[in-house]
């Protein structure tokens, strides 16, 4: 089932918080931090694409 934009924003905020905690604990060069950053990027890209799609309707 597709997530609503509200659910997607919630997921983005949770991922951002997780990333910030991990960076403080493990450092910016950690492979785990890189993975979480990429996951956040994917969520942000999905949000941007869906927002643009809504504007074009």
Protein backbone atom coordinates (compact mmCIF):
# COMPACT_ATOMS: atom_id res chain seq x y z
CA UNK A 1 0.00 0.00 0.00
CA UNK A 2 1.29 3.46 -0.90
CA UNK A 3 2.07 5.83 1.94
CA UNK A 4 0.34 9.17 2.27
CA UNK A 5 2.47 12.31 2.15
CA UNK A 6 1.86 12.73 5.88
CA UNK A 7 3.20 9.23 6.57
CA UNK A 8 6.15 9.89 4.30
CA UNK A 9 6.97 13.10 6.19
CA UNK A 10 6.80 11.18 9.47
CA UNK A 11 9.21 8.58 8.09
CA UNK A 12 11.57 11.32 6.89
CA UNK A 13 11.66 12.91 10.33
CA UNK A 14 12.29 9.57 12.04
CA UNK A 15 15.07 8.70 9.61
CA UNK A 16 16.63 12.15 10.09
CA UNK A 17 16.60 11.71 13.88
CA UNK A 18 18.14 8.24 13.55
CA UNK A 19 20.83 9.59 11.23
CA UNK A 20 21.69 12.44 13.61
CA UNK A 21 21.98 10.08 16.60
CA UNK A 22 24.14 7.66 14.64
CA UNK A 23 26.42 10.42 13.38
CA UNK A 24 27.00 11.69 16.92
CA UNK A 25 27.72 8.17 18.16
CA UNK A 26 29.68 6.71 15.25
CA UNK A 27 31.05 9.68 13.31
CA UNK A 28 30.33 11.04 9.87
CA UNK A 29 32.50 8.46 8.06
CA UNK A 30 30.73 5.40 9.47
CA UNK A 31 29.32 2.94 6.93
CA UNK A 32 26.15 2.75 9.03
CA UNK A 33 25.76 6.53 8.90
CA UNK A 34 26.28 6.48 5.14
CA UNK A 35 23.59 3.80 4.77
CA UNK A 36 21.12 5.81 6.86
CA UNK A 37 21.95 8.95 4.86
CA UNK A 38 21.20 7.11 1.63
CA UNK A 39 17.91 5.86 3.06
CA UNK A 40 16.98 9.43 4.02
CA UNK A 41 17.91 10.62 0.52
CA UNK A 42 15.60 8.00 -0.99
CA UNK A 43 12.72 9.14 1.21
CA UNK A 44 13.36 12.79 0.34
CA UNK A 45 13.50 11.96 -3.36
CA UNK A 46 10.21 10.07 -3.14
CA UNK A 47 8.59 12.99 -1.31
CA UNK A 48 9.87 15.49 -3.88
CA UNK A 49 8.68 13.37 -6.80
CA UNK A 50 5.23 12.89 -5.31
CA UNK A 51 4.90 16.56 -4.41
CA UNK A 52 5.81 17.60 -7.97
CA UNK A 53 3.37 15.05 -9.36
CA UNK A 54 0.58 16.51 -7.20
CA UNK A 55 1.36 20.03 -8.43
CA UNK A 56 1.16 18.95 -12.06
CA UNK A 57 -2.37 17.60 -11.70
